[in-house]
């Protein structure tokens, strides 16, 4: 059975979608599109789902997920979600529809919201990686899996010393584990 290392499974930083801190949300989405067009990876056919934000020295200072981009299309979401403890709570369809009405979400045409969001800096929408979203390149696959499961993350930043050298994605780890499982001989 083939064993995989983080280095084999991670996407090198040079192949991932990145933007500078002074980029707009529009710039970030365009960078994601360009990275997806160029992407070919030997272990997984899944494309990138996030954009990394780099400071002036080229160091990773944030990440913008697909949900962050969608959240950025309606600035009122920030007001709703901050400090309200909605994360991970299930809501009825009726309640979700009432929120659209009560908070007057998407009251402007979507194309207008997109224009406004494209003028917004990525730093307004990015998430700063937590300690739990960072893993050393020398960590074992067991450690990676543990960090994904406990933290409910979609990806982890892979470091060599203080530098981020790549990103390891849950989908790639799952694919590797799936292939390992297929190789198992069951009695």
N, C-alpha and C. Protein backbone atom coordinates (compact mmCIF):
# COMPACT_ATOMS: atom_id res chain seq x y z
N UNK A 1 0.85 -1.17 0.00
CA UNK A 1 0.00 0.00 0.00
C UNK A 1 0.90 1.24 0.00
N UNK A 2 0.59 2.17 -0.90
CA UNK A 2 1.39 3.38 -1.02
C UNK A 2 1.10 4.33 0.14
N UNK A 3 2.15 4.84 0.73
CA UNK A 3 2.04 5.86 1.79
C UNK A 3 2.29 7.21 1.13
N UNK A 4 1.58 8.22 1.59
CA UNK A 4 1.72 9.55 1.03
C UNK A 4 2.29 10.50 2.07
N UNK A 5 3.10 11.43 1.60
CA UNK A 5 3.63 12.48 2.48
C UNK A 5 2.91 13.78 2.15
N UNK A 6 3.05 14.74 3.04
CA UNK A 6 2.45 16.05 2.79
C UNK A 6 3.02 16.63 1.50
N UNK A 7 4.31 16.50 1.29
CA UNK A 7 4.96 17.06 0.10
C UNK A 7 4.35 16.49 -1.18
N UNK A 8 3.96 15.21 -1.16
CA UNK A 8 3.36 14.59 -2.34
C UNK A 8 1.94 15.10 -2.59
N UNK A 9 1.23 15.43 -1.54
CA UNK A 9 -0.19 15.78 -1.66
C UNK A 9 -0.46 17.27 -1.74
N UNK A 10 0.45 18.08 -1.23
CA UNK A 10 0.18 19.52 -1.19
C UNK A 10 0.31 20.16 -2.57
N UNK A 11 -0.35 21.28 -2.72
CA UNK A 11 -0.21 22.11 -3.91
C UNK A 11 0.83 23.17 -3.54
N UNK A 12 1.94 23.24 -4.29
CA UNK A 12 2.95 24.26 -3.98
C UNK A 12 2.36 25.67 -4.07
N UNK A 13 2.85 26.55 -3.24
CA UNK A 13 2.36 27.93 -3.22
C UNK A 13 2.43 28.55 -4.61
N UNK A 14 3.46 28.22 -5.37
CA UNK A 14 3.63 28.80 -6.71
C UNK A 14 2.52 28.40 -7.68
N UNK A 15 1.79 27.31 -7.38
CA UNK A 15 0.72 26.84 -8.26
C UNK A 15 -0.67 27.22 -7.75
N UNK A 16 -0.72 27.90 -6.62
CA UNK A 16 -2.01 28.22 -6.02
C UNK A 16 -2.43 29.65 -6.38
N UNK A 17 -3.71 29.93 -6.30
CA UNK A 17 -4.23 31.26 -6.57
C UNK A 17 -3.80 32.20 -5.45
N UNK A 18 -3.13 33.28 -5.81
CA UNK A 18 -2.68 34.26 -4.82
C UNK A 18 -2.93 35.68 -5.34
N UNK A 19 -3.13 36.59 -4.39
CA UNK A 19 -3.23 38.01 -4.70
C UNK A 19 -2.50 38.78 -3.61
N UNK A 20 -2.18 40.03 -3.90
CA UNK A 20 -1.55 40.87 -2.89
C UNK A 20 -2.61 41.49 -2.00
N UNK A 21 -2.17 42.02 -0.88
CA UNK A 21 -3.08 42.65 0.09
C UNK A 21 -3.86 43.82 -0.50
N UNK A 22 -3.32 44.47 -1.51
CA UNK A 22 -4.02 45.63 -2.09
C UNK A 22 -4.94 45.26 -3.25
N UNK A 23 -5.13 43.97 -3.49
CA UNK A 23 -6.03 43.51 -4.55
C UNK A 23 -7.49 43.71 -4.14
N UNK A 24 -8.36 43.70 -5.13
CA UNK A 24 -9.80 43.78 -4.87
C UNK A 24 -10.39 42.37 -4.87
N UNK A 25 -11.63 42.28 -4.43
CA UNK A 25 -12.32 40.99 -4.46
C UNK A 25 -12.41 40.48 -5.90
N UNK A 26 -12.64 41.38 -6.84
CA UNK A 26 -12.66 41.01 -8.26
C UNK A 26 -11.32 40.43 -8.69
N UNK A 27 -10.23 41.08 -8.29
CA UNK A 27 -8.88 40.59 -8.62
C UNK A 27 -8.68 39.17 -8.09
N UNK A 28 -9.19 38.92 -6.89
CA UNK A 28 -9.04 37.61 -6.26
C UNK A 28 -9.78 36.53 -7.06
N UNK A 29 -10.98 36.84 -7.48
CA UNK A 29 -11.76 35.87 -8.26
C UNK A 29 -11.08 35.60 -9.60
N UNK A 30 -10.53 36.63 -10.22
CA UNK A 30 -9.82 36.45 -11.49
C UNK A 30 -8.56 35.61 -11.29
N UNK A 31 -7.86 35.81 -10.18
CA UNK A 31 -6.66 35.01 -9.87
C UNK A 31 -7.05 33.55 -9.68
N UNK A 32 -8.18 33.31 -9.04
CA UNK A 32 -8.66 31.94 -8.85
C UNK A 32 -8.96 31.29 -10.19
N UNK A 33 -9.61 32.03 -11.06
CA UNK A 33 -9.93 31.49 -12.38
C UNK A 33 -8.65 31.14 -13.16
N UNK A 34 -7.67 32.04 -13.14
CA UNK A 34 -6.40 31.77 -13.85
C UNK A 34 -5.70 30.54 -13.27
N UNK A 35 -5.67 30.43 -11.95
CA UNK A 35 -5.01 29.27 -11.32
C UNK A 35 -5.74 27.98 -11.67
N UNK A 36 -7.05 28.02 -11.72
CA UNK A 36 -7.82 26.83 -12.06
C UNK A 36 -7.57 26.40 -13.51
N UNK A 37 -7.45 27.37 -14.41
CA UNK A 37 -7.19 27.06 -15.82
C UNK A 37 -5.85 26.37 -16.01
N UNK A 38 -4.83 26.77 -15.22
CA UNK A 38 -3.48 26.22 -15.35
C UNK A 38 -3.28 24.93 -14.57
N UNK A 39 -4.18 24.63 -13.66
CA UNK A 39 -3.97 23.56 -12.68
C UNK A 39 -4.09 22.16 -13.28
N UNK A 40 -3.10 21.36 -13.04
CA UNK A 40 -3.18 19.92 -13.30
C UNK A 40 -2.39 19.26 -12.18
N UNK A 41 -3.04 18.34 -11.51
CA UNK A 41 -2.43 17.74 -10.32
C UNK A 41 -2.53 16.23 -10.43
N UNK A 42 -1.47 15.56 -10.12
CA UNK A 42 -1.41 14.11 -10.33
C UNK A 42 -2.31 13.30 -9.40
N UNK A 43 -2.64 13.81 -8.21
CA UNK A 43 -3.43 13.02 -7.26
C UNK A 43 -4.91 13.35 -7.28
N UNK A 44 -5.28 14.49 -7.82
CA UNK A 44 -6.66 14.93 -7.69
C UNK A 44 -7.05 15.80 -8.87
N UNK A 45 -8.27 15.62 -9.30
CA UNK A 45 -8.78 16.47 -10.38
C UNK A 45 -9.50 17.70 -9.85
N UNK A 46 -9.58 17.83 -8.54
CA UNK A 46 -10.31 18.95 -7.95
C UNK A 46 -9.52 20.24 -8.06
N UNK A 47 -10.21 21.28 -8.45
CA UNK A 47 -9.57 22.58 -8.62
C UNK A 47 -9.52 23.34 -7.31
N UNK A 48 -8.81 24.43 -7.33
CA UNK A 48 -8.67 25.28 -6.15
C UNK A 48 -10.02 25.89 -5.76
N UNK A 49 -10.17 26.09 -4.46
CA UNK A 49 -11.43 26.66 -3.95
C UNK A 49 -11.18 27.89 -3.08
N UNK A 50 -9.97 28.36 -3.06
CA UNK A 50 -9.64 29.52 -2.22
C UNK A 50 -8.53 30.32 -2.87
N UNK A 51 -8.34 31.51 -2.35
CA UNK A 51 -7.30 32.40 -2.82
C UNK A 51 -6.47 32.81 -1.60
N UNK A 52 -5.16 32.71 -1.72
CA UNK A 52 -4.28 33.13 -0.63
C UNK A 52 -3.89 34.59 -0.83
N UNK A 53 -3.86 35.35 0.26
CA UNK A 53 -3.50 36.76 0.23
C UNK A 53 -2.08 36.90 0.75
N UNK A 54 -1.24 37.58 -0.03
CA UNK A 54 0.17 37.75 0.31
C UNK A 54 0.49 39.19 0.66
N UNK A 55 1.38 39.36 1.64
CA UNK A 55 1.82 40.72 1.97
C UNK A 55 2.91 41.14 0.98
N UNK A 56 3.50 42.32 1.19
CA UNK A 56 4.50 42.86 0.26
C UNK A 56 5.75 41.99 0.17
N UNK A 57 6.02 41.19 1.22
CA UNK A 57 7.20 40.31 1.21
C UNK A 57 6.88 38.95 0.60
N UNK A 58 5.62 38.73 0.18
CA UNK A 58 5.23 37.45 -0.39
C UNK A 58 4.82 36.42 0.65
N UNK A 59 4.60 36.86 1.88
CA UNK A 59 4.19 35.96 2.97
C UNK A 59 2.67 35.87 3.01
N UNK A 60 2.14 34.68 3.28
CA UNK A 60 0.70 34.48 3.36
C UNK A 60 0.17 35.14 4.63
N UNK A 61 -0.81 36.03 4.45
CA UNK A 61 -1.42 36.72 5.59
C UNK A 61 -2.92 36.45 5.70
N UNK A 62 -3.48 35.78 4.69
CA UNK A 62 -4.91 35.51 4.72
C UNK A 62 -5.34 34.57 3.63
N UNK A 63 -6.59 34.18 3.74
CA UNK A 63 -7.18 33.26 2.77
C UNK A 63 -8.62 33.69 2.53
N UNK A 64 -9.04 33.62 1.28
CA UNK A 64 -10.42 33.93 0.92
C UNK A 64 -11.02 32.67 0.32
N UNK A 65 -12.06 32.16 0.96
CA UNK A 65 -12.74 30.96 0.48
C UNK A 65 -13.87 31.36 -0.47
N UNK A 66 -14.47 30.37 -1.09
CA UNK A 66 -15.62 30.63 -1.96
C UNK A 66 -16.75 31.28 -1.17
N UNK A 67 -16.96 30.82 0.06
CA UNK A 67 -18.03 31.40 0.87
C UNK A 67 -17.70 32.84 1.25
N UNK A 68 -16.42 33.16 1.45
CA UNK A 68 -16.03 34.55 1.74
C UNK A 68 -16.35 35.45 0.55
N UNK A 69 -16.12 34.96 -0.66
CA UNK A 69 -16.44 35.74 -1.87
C UNK A 69 -17.94 35.99 -1.93
N UNK A 70 -18.74 34.94 -1.75
CA UNK A 70 -20.19 35.11 -1.80
C UNK A 70 -20.68 36.03 -0.69
N UNK A 71 -20.09 35.90 0.49
CA UNK A 71 -20.44 36.78 1.61
C UNK A 71 -20.09 38.23 1.26
N UNK A 72 -19.03 38.42 0.51
CA UNK A 72 -18.61 39.76 0.13
C UNK A 72 -19.54 40.45 -0.85
N UNK A 73 -20.40 39.68 -1.52
CA UNK A 73 -21.35 40.27 -2.46
C UNK A 73 -22.47 41.02 -1.75
N UNK A 74 -22.67 40.72 -0.46
CA UNK A 74 -23.71 41.40 0.31
C UNK A 74 -23.10 41.84 1.63
N UNK A 75 -22.69 43.09 1.74
CA UNK A 75 -22.02 43.58 2.95
C UNK A 75 -22.84 43.40 4.24
N UNK A 76 -24.13 43.29 4.14
CA UNK A 76 -24.96 43.15 5.34
C UNK A 76 -24.73 41.82 6.06
N UNK A 77 -24.16 40.84 5.36
CA UNK A 77 -23.87 39.56 6.01
C UNK A 77 -22.90 39.74 7.17
N UNK A 78 -21.97 40.65 7.01
CA UNK A 78 -20.99 40.88 8.08
C UNK A 78 -21.71 41.29 9.37
N UNK A 79 -22.67 42.18 9.23
CA UNK A 79 -23.47 42.64 10.38
C UNK A 79 -24.25 41.48 11.01
N UNK A 80 -24.81 40.64 10.19
CA UNK A 80 -25.62 39.52 10.68
C UNK A 80 -24.76 38.48 11.40
N UNK A 81 -23.62 38.16 10.81
CA UNK A 81 -22.82 37.03 11.29
C UNK A 81 -21.88 37.36 12.44
N UNK A 82 -21.46 38.60 12.56
CA UNK A 82 -20.50 38.95 13.61
C UNK A 82 -21.14 38.86 14.99
N UNK A 83 -20.54 38.05 15.82
CA UNK A 83 -20.95 37.96 17.21
C UNK A 83 -22.31 37.35 17.47
N UNK A 84 -22.90 36.71 16.48
CA UNK A 84 -24.23 36.16 16.67
C UNK A 84 -24.24 34.65 16.86
N UNK A 85 -23.09 34.02 16.70
CA UNK A 85 -23.00 32.58 16.94
C UNK A 85 -23.81 31.73 15.98
N UNK A 86 -23.96 32.17 14.72
CA UNK A 86 -24.74 31.41 13.75
C UNK A 86 -23.99 30.23 13.16
N UNK A 87 -22.68 30.21 13.29
CA UNK A 87 -21.88 29.17 12.65
C UNK A 87 -22.27 27.79 13.17
N UNK A 88 -22.57 26.89 12.25
CA UNK A 88 -22.87 25.51 12.61
C UNK A 88 -24.28 25.29 13.14
N UNK A 89 -25.11 26.33 13.13
CA UNK A 89 -26.47 26.19 13.62
C UNK A 89 -27.39 25.95 12.43
N UNK A 90 -28.29 24.98 12.53
CA UNK A 90 -29.23 24.69 11.45
C UNK A 90 -30.44 25.61 11.53
N UNK A 91 -30.92 26.04 10.37
CA UNK A 91 -32.08 26.91 10.31
C UNK A 91 -33.11 26.32 9.36
N UNK A 92 -34.36 26.61 9.62
CA UNK A 92 -35.43 26.17 8.72
C UNK A 92 -35.40 27.02 7.46
N UNK A 93 -35.97 26.50 6.38
CA UNK A 93 -36.04 27.27 5.14
C UNK A 93 -36.87 28.54 5.34
N UNK A 94 -37.91 28.43 6.15
CA UNK A 94 -38.77 29.59 6.41
C UNK A 94 -37.97 30.70 7.09
N UNK A 95 -37.17 30.34 8.08
CA UNK A 95 -36.36 31.34 8.78
C UNK A 95 -35.35 31.98 7.84
N UNK A 96 -34.69 31.16 7.02
CA UNK A 96 -33.68 31.69 6.09
C UNK A 96 -34.32 32.67 5.11
N UNK A 97 -35.52 32.34 4.60
CA UNK A 97 -36.21 33.26 3.69
C UNK A 97 -36.60 34.55 4.40
N UNK A 98 -37.01 34.43 5.66
CA UNK A 98 -37.40 35.62 6.41
C UNK A 98 -36.19 36.54 6.63
N UNK A 99 -35.00 35.97 6.78
CA UNK A 99 -33.79 36.78 6.94
C UNK A 99 -33.53 37.63 5.70
N UNK A 100 -33.74 37.03 4.51
CA UNK A 100 -33.56 37.78 3.27
C UNK A 100 -34.43 39.03 3.28
N UNK A 101 -35.68 38.85 3.72
CA UNK A 101 -36.64 39.96 3.75
C UNK A 101 -36.34 40.93 4.89
N UNK A 102 -36.16 40.41 6.10
CA UNK A 102 -35.99 41.26 7.28
C UNK A 102 -34.72 42.10 7.22
N UNK A 103 -33.65 41.55 6.69
CA UNK A 103 -32.39 42.28 6.61
C UNK A 103 -32.20 42.99 5.28
N UNK A 104 -33.20 42.88 4.41
CA UNK A 104 -33.17 43.47 3.08
C UNK A 104 -31.87 43.07 2.37
N UNK A 105 -31.61 41.77 2.36
CA UNK A 105 -30.41 41.25 1.71
C UNK A 105 -30.64 41.20 0.20
N UNK A 106 -29.63 41.49 -0.53
CA UNK A 106 -29.66 41.50 -1.98
C UNK A 106 -30.80 42.37 -2.51
N UNK A 107 -30.98 43.56 -1.87
CA UNK A 107 -32.03 44.47 -2.31
C UNK A 107 -31.62 45.23 -3.56
N UNK A 108 -30.33 45.28 -3.86
CA UNK A 108 -29.85 45.87 -5.10
C UNK A 108 -29.68 44.74 -6.11
N UNK A 109 -29.74 45.08 -7.39
CA UNK A 109 -29.49 44.02 -8.38
C UNK A 109 -28.12 43.40 -8.15
N UNK A 110 -28.00 42.10 -8.38
CA UNK A 110 -26.75 41.39 -8.11
C UNK A 110 -25.58 42.00 -8.87
N UNK A 111 -25.80 42.44 -10.10
CA UNK A 111 -24.69 43.02 -10.86
C UNK A 111 -24.18 44.30 -10.20
N UNK A 112 -25.04 45.05 -9.54
CA UNK A 112 -24.61 46.25 -8.83
C UNK A 112 -23.80 45.88 -7.59
N UNK A 113 -24.24 44.85 -6.88
CA UNK A 113 -23.52 44.38 -5.70
C UNK A 113 -22.14 43.88 -6.12
N UNK A 114 -22.08 43.18 -7.25
CA UNK A 114 -20.79 42.69 -7.75
C UNK A 114 -19.84 43.85 -8.05
N UNK A 115 -20.37 44.90 -8.64
CA UNK A 115 -19.54 46.06 -8.95
C UNK A 115 -18.99 46.67 -7.67
N UNK A 116 -19.87 46.83 -6.67
CA UNK A 116 -19.44 47.40 -5.40
C UNK A 116 -18.38 46.51 -4.74
N UNK A 117 -18.63 45.21 -4.75
CA UNK A 117 -17.69 44.29 -4.12
C UNK A 117 -16.35 44.28 -4.84
N UNK A 118 -16.38 44.50 -6.15
CA UNK A 118 -15.11 44.49 -6.90
C UNK A 118 -14.25 45.68 -6.54
N UNK A 119 -14.84 46.68 -5.90
CA UNK A 119 -14.07 47.84 -5.47
C UNK A 119 -13.56 47.68 -4.04
N UNK A 120 -13.97 46.62 -3.39
CA UNK A 120 -13.59 46.38 -2.00
C UNK A 120 -12.25 45.65 -1.93
N UNK A 121 -11.40 45.99 -0.96
CA UNK A 121 -10.11 45.29 -0.83
C UNK A 121 -10.29 43.87 -0.27
N UNK A 122 -9.44 42.97 -0.69
CA UNK A 122 -9.52 41.59 -0.22
C UNK A 122 -9.34 41.49 1.29
N UNK A 123 -8.59 42.43 1.85
CA UNK A 123 -8.35 42.38 3.29
C UNK A 123 -9.65 42.50 4.09
N UNK A 124 -10.67 43.05 3.49
CA UNK A 124 -11.97 43.18 4.16
C UNK A 124 -12.69 41.84 4.25
N UNK A 125 -12.38 40.92 3.36
CA UNK A 125 -13.09 39.64 3.28
C UNK A 125 -12.25 38.43 3.68
N UNK A 126 -10.95 38.61 3.75
CA UNK A 126 -10.07 37.47 4.02
C UNK A 126 -10.15 37.03 5.48
N UNK A 127 -9.84 35.79 5.69
CA UNK A 127 -9.71 35.21 7.02
C UNK A 127 -8.23 35.04 7.30
N UNK A 128 -7.78 35.46 8.46
CA UNK A 128 -6.39 35.24 8.85
C UNK A 128 -6.27 33.80 9.35
N UNK A 129 -5.34 33.03 8.80
CA UNK A 129 -5.22 31.62 9.22
C UNK A 129 -4.94 31.50 10.72
N UNK A 130 -5.65 30.59 11.35
CA UNK A 130 -5.43 30.31 12.76
C UNK A 130 -4.30 29.31 12.91
N UNK A 131 -3.83 29.13 14.11
CA UNK A 131 -2.77 28.15 14.38
C UNK A 131 -3.20 26.75 13.93
N UNK A 132 -4.48 26.46 14.06
CA UNK A 132 -5.01 25.15 13.68
C UNK A 132 -5.10 24.92 12.19
N UNK A 133 -4.84 25.96 11.40
CA UNK A 133 -4.86 25.84 9.94
C UNK A 133 -3.47 25.77 9.34
N UNK A 134 -2.47 25.59 10.19
CA UNK A 134 -1.08 25.56 9.74
C UNK A 134 -0.47 24.24 10.19
N UNK A 135 0.28 23.61 9.28
CA UNK A 135 0.92 22.33 9.61
C UNK A 135 2.31 22.29 8.97
N UNK A 136 3.25 21.70 9.66
CA UNK A 136 4.62 21.59 9.16
C UNK A 136 4.69 20.53 8.07
N UNK A 137 5.56 20.75 7.11
CA UNK A 137 5.70 19.79 6.00
C UNK A 137 6.18 18.43 6.48
N UNK A 138 6.76 18.38 7.66
CA UNK A 138 7.28 17.12 8.21
C UNK A 138 6.22 16.32 8.97
N UNK A 139 5.03 16.87 9.12
CA UNK A 139 3.97 16.17 9.85
C UNK A 139 3.56 14.91 9.09
N UNK A 140 3.06 13.95 9.83
CA UNK A 140 2.59 12.70 9.20
C UNK A 140 1.19 12.89 8.63
N UNK A 141 0.79 11.99 7.77
CA UNK A 141 -0.56 12.02 7.21
C UNK A 141 -1.59 11.86 8.33
N UNK A 142 -1.25 11.08 9.35
CA UNK A 142 -2.15 10.92 10.51
C UNK A 142 -2.40 12.27 11.17
N UNK A 143 -1.34 13.07 11.33
CA UNK A 143 -1.48 14.39 11.95
C UNK A 143 -2.34 15.31 11.08
N UNK A 144 -2.14 15.24 9.78
CA UNK A 144 -2.93 16.05 8.85
C UNK A 144 -4.41 15.71 8.98
N UNK A 145 -4.71 14.41 8.95
CA UNK A 145 -6.10 13.97 9.06
C UNK A 145 -6.70 14.44 10.38
N UNK A 146 -5.95 14.27 11.46
CA UNK A 146 -6.42 14.70 12.77
C UNK A 146 -6.76 16.20 12.77
N UNK A 147 -5.89 17.00 12.19
CA UNK A 147 -6.11 18.44 12.16
C UNK A 147 -7.33 18.81 11.31
N UNK A 148 -7.54 18.10 10.21
CA UNK A 148 -8.74 18.33 9.39
C UNK A 148 -10.01 17.98 10.16
N UNK A 149 -10.01 16.83 10.78
CA UNK A 149 -11.20 16.35 11.48
C UNK A 149 -11.55 17.24 12.67
N UNK A 150 -10.58 17.51 13.52
CA UNK A 150 -10.83 18.30 14.73
C UNK A 150 -11.17 19.75 14.38
N UNK A 151 -10.49 20.32 13.39
CA UNK A 151 -10.70 21.73 13.05
C UNK A 151 -11.78 22.00 12.03
N UNK A 152 -12.31 20.95 11.39
CA UNK A 152 -13.32 21.12 10.33
C UNK A 152 -12.81 22.05 9.23
N UNK A 153 -11.55 21.90 8.84
CA UNK A 153 -10.96 22.76 7.82
C UNK A 153 -11.09 22.12 6.44
N UNK A 154 -11.08 22.95 5.41
CA UNK A 154 -11.06 22.47 4.03
C UNK A 154 -9.64 22.41 3.48
N UNK A 155 -8.74 23.14 4.12
CA UNK A 155 -7.33 23.13 3.70
C UNK A 155 -6.47 23.58 4.87
N UNK A 156 -5.18 23.24 4.77
CA UNK A 156 -4.19 23.64 5.76
C UNK A 156 -3.00 24.25 5.02
N UNK A 157 -2.42 25.28 5.61
CA UNK A 157 -1.21 25.86 5.05
C UNK A 157 -0.02 25.03 5.51
N UNK A 158 0.83 24.64 4.57
CA UNK A 158 1.99 23.81 4.87
C UNK A 158 3.21 24.72 5.00
N UNK A 159 3.93 24.55 6.11
CA UNK A 159 5.08 25.41 6.37
C UNK A 159 6.39 24.64 6.40
N UNK A 160 7.43 25.37 6.04
CA UNK A 160 8.81 24.93 6.23
C UNK A 160 9.44 26.05 7.05
N UNK A 161 9.66 25.77 8.31
CA UNK A 161 10.10 26.82 9.21
C UNK A 161 8.98 27.83 9.37
N UNK A 162 9.28 29.08 9.08
CA UNK A 162 8.28 30.16 9.19
C UNK A 162 7.54 30.42 7.88
N UNK A 163 8.00 29.81 6.79
CA UNK A 163 7.45 30.11 5.47
C UNK A 163 6.38 29.12 5.04
N UNK A 164 5.30 29.64 4.45
CA UNK A 164 4.27 28.80 3.85
C UNK A 164 4.80 28.37 2.49
N UNK A 165 4.85 27.07 2.26
CA UNK A 165 5.38 26.55 1.00
C UNK A 165 4.29 25.91 0.14
N UNK A 166 3.11 25.73 0.71
CA UNK A 166 2.04 25.11 -0.05
C UNK A 166 0.76 25.03 0.75
N UNK A 167 -0.20 24.36 0.16
CA UNK A 167 -1.49 24.17 0.80
C UNK A 167 -1.91 22.72 0.58
N UNK A 168 -2.35 22.10 1.65
CA UNK A 168 -2.84 20.72 1.54
C UNK A 168 -4.35 20.78 1.73
N UNK A 169 -5.06 20.18 0.79
CA UNK A 169 -6.51 20.29 0.77
C UNK A 169 -7.15 18.99 1.25
N UNK A 170 -8.25 19.14 1.93
CA UNK A 170 -8.99 17.99 2.43
C UNK A 170 -9.33 17.03 1.30
N UNK A 171 -9.73 17.54 0.18
CA UNK A 171 -10.11 16.69 -0.93
C UNK A 171 -8.95 15.83 -1.42
N UNK A 172 -7.72 16.37 -1.39
CA UNK A 172 -6.56 15.60 -1.83
C UNK A 172 -6.18 14.53 -0.81
N UNK A 173 -6.31 14.87 0.47
CA UNK A 173 -6.04 13.88 1.51
C UNK A 173 -7.08 12.76 1.44
N UNK A 174 -8.34 13.14 1.26
CA UNK A 174 -9.39 12.13 1.14
C UNK A 174 -9.14 11.21 -0.05
N UNK A 175 -8.76 11.79 -1.17
CA UNK A 175 -8.47 11.00 -2.38
C UNK A 175 -7.33 10.02 -2.12
N UNK A 176 -6.28 10.46 -1.44
CA UNK A 176 -5.15 9.58 -1.12
C UNK A 176 -5.60 8.44 -0.21
N UNK A 177 -6.38 8.78 0.82
CA UNK A 177 -6.87 7.75 1.74
C UNK A 177 -7.79 6.78 1.01
N UNK A 178 -8.62 7.30 0.15
CA UNK A 178 -9.52 6.45 -0.66
C UNK A 178 -8.72 5.45 -1.48
N UNK A 179 -7.64 5.92 -2.12
CA UNK A 179 -6.81 5.01 -2.92
C UNK A 179 -6.10 3.98 -2.04
N UNK A 180 -5.69 4.40 -0.85
CA UNK A 180 -5.07 3.46 0.08
C UNK A 180 -6.08 2.38 0.49
N UNK A 181 -7.31 2.80 0.73
CA UNK A 181 -8.35 1.85 1.12
C UNK A 181 -8.63 0.84 0.00
N UNK A 182 -8.62 1.31 -1.24
CA UNK A 182 -8.87 0.43 -2.39
C UNK A 182 -7.80 -0.64 -2.51
N UNK A 183 -6.57 -0.34 -2.07
CA UNK A 183 -5.47 -1.28 -2.16
C UNK A 183 -5.52 -2.35 -1.08
N UNK A 184 -6.32 -2.10 -0.04
CA UNK A 184 -6.39 -3.05 1.07
C UNK A 184 -6.99 -4.38 0.60
N UNK A 185 -6.41 -5.44 1.07
CA UNK A 185 -6.94 -6.77 0.77
C UNK A 185 -7.80 -7.19 1.98
N UNK A 186 -9.08 -7.31 1.74
CA UNK A 186 -9.97 -7.73 2.82
C UNK A 186 -10.12 -9.24 2.81
N UNK A 187 -10.23 -9.84 4.00
CA UNK A 187 -10.34 -11.31 4.06
C UNK A 187 -11.66 -11.80 3.50
